[in-house]
C-alpha cells in the first residue's frame, strides 16, 4: 500500500522502459479519503524505502536535505494530529539492522537492471511537499516555494 505504483514506474524507467500517461483514461478506485495513523505510517515508510533503494547514492546524498525537511513536515503533521506513535514507529523500523539489509538487497537488484541515469528520472519530479488533508499557509507560502527553489537547483546538479 502506498508508493507501489511509483516504485514500479521508477524501476521500469531505470530498466529502460517508457512509462506514459493516458490523460483521457478513467479509473474507478474505491477509496475512502480519510487520514489515519496507519496510512501515514505506510505512506512514509514506503516513501523512505523507495527513496533509499532506487536512486544512486550520490542522488540520495544530494537530496538528503529535502528529504529531512519533508520528514520534519510529516513529523509536525503527525504530532499535531496526536499521532506521535507514527514517528516513533518509523524511527524504530529504520533503526533495525534487518531493514537496512533488506534495502541493500533491493538496491542491488534494482541497480543490476539500471540502463537509465538518475538525471533522466528525476527531471520529472515535482518540487513541492503534499500532505493529503494538510495544507496550512506556512506549507503553501513558505515551505513549498523554498522547496521548489531547492529542487530546481538540486535537479540540475544530478547529472549521473
Protein backbone atom coordinates (compact mmCIF):
# COMPACT_ATOMS: atom_id res chain seq x y z
CA UNK A 1 0.00 0.00 0.00
CA UNK A 2 1.28 3.44 -0.98
CA UNK A 3 4.21 4.08 -3.32
CA UNK A 4 3.98 0.68 -5.01
CA UNK A 5 2.89 2.31 -8.28
CA UNK A 6 5.59 4.98 -8.08
CA UNK A 7 8.24 2.40 -7.22
CA UNK A 8 7.17 0.17 -10.12
CA UNK A 9 7.21 3.05 -12.62
CA UNK A 10 10.58 4.30 -11.35
CA UNK A 11 12.13 0.83 -11.63
CA UNK A 12 10.62 0.43 -15.09
CA UNK A 13 12.14 3.72 -16.24
CA UNK A 14 15.53 2.78 -14.77
CA UNK A 15 15.36 -0.50 -16.69
CA UNK A 16 14.78 1.37 -19.94
CA UNK A 17 11.02 1.13 -20.33
CA UNK A 18 8.91 4.17 -21.10
CA UNK A 19 6.03 4.98 -18.81
CA UNK A 20 3.25 7.05 -20.29
CA UNK A 21 0.17 8.90 -19.27
CA UNK A 22 -3.26 8.46 -20.79
CA UNK A 23 -4.93 11.76 -19.82
CA UNK A 24 -8.37 10.77 -21.11
CA UNK A 25 -8.49 7.44 -19.29
CA UNK A 26 -10.82 6.89 -16.36
CA UNK A 27 -10.23 4.67 -13.40
CA UNK A 28 -12.71 3.94 -10.66
CA UNK A 29 -10.99 3.34 -7.38
CA UNK A 30 -12.91 2.51 -4.23
CA UNK A 31 -11.09 4.71 -1.76
CA UNK A 32 -12.06 6.41 1.44
CA UNK A 33 -10.23 9.75 1.71
CA UNK A 34 -9.55 9.78 5.41
CA UNK A 35 -6.36 10.35 7.28
CA UNK A 36 -5.23 7.74 9.75
CA UNK A 37 -2.04 6.95 11.64
CA UNK A 38 -1.70 3.63 9.79
CA UNK A 39 -2.00 5.25 6.36
CA UNK A 40 0.53 7.94 7.31
CA UNK A 41 2.93 5.30 8.61
CA UNK A 42 2.65 3.15 5.47
CA UNK A 43 2.99 6.15 3.15
CA UNK A 44 6.09 7.50 4.91
CA UNK A 45 7.72 4.09 5.38
CA UNK A 46 7.25 3.20 1.73
CA UNK A 47 8.39 6.65 0.57
CA UNK A 48 11.61 6.22 2.54
CA UNK A 49 12.15 2.64 1.37
CA UNK A 50 11.64 3.71 -2.25
CA UNK A 51 13.95 6.70 -1.95
CA UNK A 52 16.69 4.71 -0.24
CA UNK A 53 16.53 1.81 -2.72
CA UNK A 54 16.18 3.30 -6.20
CA UNK A 55 18.43 6.31 -6.86
CA UNK A 56 22.20 6.24 -6.88
CA UNK A 57 23.86 7.02 -3.56
CA UNK A 58 25.06 10.40 -4.88
CA UNK A 59 21.46 11.34 -5.63
CA UNK A 60 20.39 10.29 -2.15
CA UNK A 61 23.13 12.41 -0.58
CA UNK A 62 22.35 15.43 -2.74
CA UNK A 63 18.64 15.24 -1.96
CA UNK A 64 19.03 14.40 1.73
CA UNK A 65 18.31 17.98 2.92
CA UNK A 66 14.96 17.95 1.11
CA UNK A 67 14.17 14.51 2.46
CA UNK A 68 14.97 15.63 6.01
CA UNK A 69 12.79 18.74 5.54
CA UNK A 70 9.87 16.66 4.27
CA UNK A 71 10.28 14.26 7.20
CA UNK A 72 10.17 17.23 9.57
CA UNK A 73 6.93 18.47 7.97
CA UNK A 74 5.48 14.97 8.28
CA UNK A 75 6.55 14.75 11.93
CA UNK A 76 4.93 18.12 12.68
CA UNK A 77 1.75 16.94 10.98
CA UNK A 78 1.75 13.65 12.91
CA UNK A 79 2.42 15.33 16.24
CA UNK A 80 -0.26 17.98 15.57
CA UNK A 81 -2.76 15.17 14.99
CA UNK A 82 -1.68 13.38 18.16
CA UNK A 83 -0.04 10.61 16.16
CA UNK A 84 3.41 10.69 17.73
CA UNK A 85 3.38 6.90 17.66
CA UNK A 86 3.78 7.04 13.87
CA UNK A 87 7.05 8.95 14.23
CA UNK A 88 8.30 6.53 16.88
CA UNK A 89 7.30 3.50 14.80
CA UNK A 90 9.13 4.86 11.75
CA UNK A 91 12.23 5.56 13.81
CA UNK A 92 12.16 2.06 15.33
CA UNK A 93 11.78 0.47 11.93
CA UNK A 94 14.70 2.33 10.40
CA UNK A 95 16.94 1.67 13.38
CA UNK A 96 16.73 -2.07 12.76
CA UNK A 97 19.63 -3.77 11.00
CA UNK A 98 17.35 -6.11 9.04
CA UNK A 99 15.60 -3.07 7.49
CA UNK A 100 18.94 -1.85 6.13
CA UNK A 101 19.88 -5.34 4.90
CA UNK A 102 16.58 -5.50 3.04
CA UNK A 103 17.18 -2.05 1.50
CA UNK A 104 20.67 -3.15 0.46
CA UNK A 105 19.38 -6.31 -1.24
CA UNK A 106 16.66 -4.35 -3.04
CA UNK A 107 19.22 -1.71 -4.15
CA UNK A 108 21.45 -4.41 -5.62
CA UNK A 109 18.57 -5.92 -7.61
CA UNK A 110 17.44 -2.52 -8.90
CA UNK A 111 20.94 -1.35 -9.80
CA UNK A 112 21.52 -4.57 -11.78
CA UNK A 113 18.56 -3.62 -14.02
CA UNK A 114 19.66 0.01 -14.48
CA UNK A 115 20.16 1.30 -18.03
CA UNK A 116 19.00 4.91 -17.50
CA UNK A 117 20.68 7.56 -15.37
CA UNK A 118 19.04 9.23 -12.39
CA UNK A 119 19.06 12.53 -14.30
CA UNK A 120 16.54 11.10 -16.78
CA UNK A 121 14.25 10.05 -13.95
CA UNK A 122 14.38 12.99 -11.53
CA UNK A 123 13.74 15.68 -14.13
CA UNK A 124 10.09 14.55 -13.99
CA UNK A 125 9.79 15.02 -10.23
CA UNK A 126 7.91 17.98 -8.71
CA UNK A 127 9.45 20.30 -6.14
CA UNK A 128 6.70 20.55 -3.55
CA UNK A 129 5.52 18.77 -0.46
CA UNK A 130 1.98 17.45 -0.45
CA UNK A 131 0.37 16.08 2.67
CA UNK A 132 -3.20 14.96 1.91
CA UNK A 133 -5.66 16.82 4.11
CA UNK A 134 -2.97 19.17 5.42
CA UNK A 135 -2.25 22.40 3.55
CA UNK A 136 -1.65 25.24 6.02
CA UNK A 137 -0.47 28.67 4.88
CA UNK A 138 3.10 28.08 6.14
CA UNK A 139 3.37 24.98 3.93
CA UNK A 140 1.75 26.66 0.93
CA UNK A 141 3.52 30.04 1.10
CA UNK A 142 6.82 29.31 2.85
CA UNK A 143 7.89 25.67 2.72
CA UNK A 144 6.72 24.81 -0.81
CA UNK A 145 8.22 27.89 -2.53
CA UNK A 146 11.53 27.20 -0.74
CA UNK A 147 11.36 23.51 -1.61
CA UNK A 148 10.55 24.36 -5.23
CA UNK A 149 13.63 26.60 -5.41
CA UNK A 150 15.78 23.97 -3.68
CA UNK A 151 14.62 21.25 -6.09
CA UNK A 152 15.14 23.47 -9.16
CA UNK A 153 18.80 23.84 -8.11
CA UNK A 154 19.42 20.25 -6.99
CA UNK A 155 17.82 18.68 -10.07
CA UNK A 156 20.37 20.48 -12.27
CA UNK A 157 23.23 19.01 -10.23
CA UNK A 158 22.09 15.41 -10.78
CA UNK A 159 23.97 14.65 -14.00
CA UNK A 160 24.61 10.91 -13.48
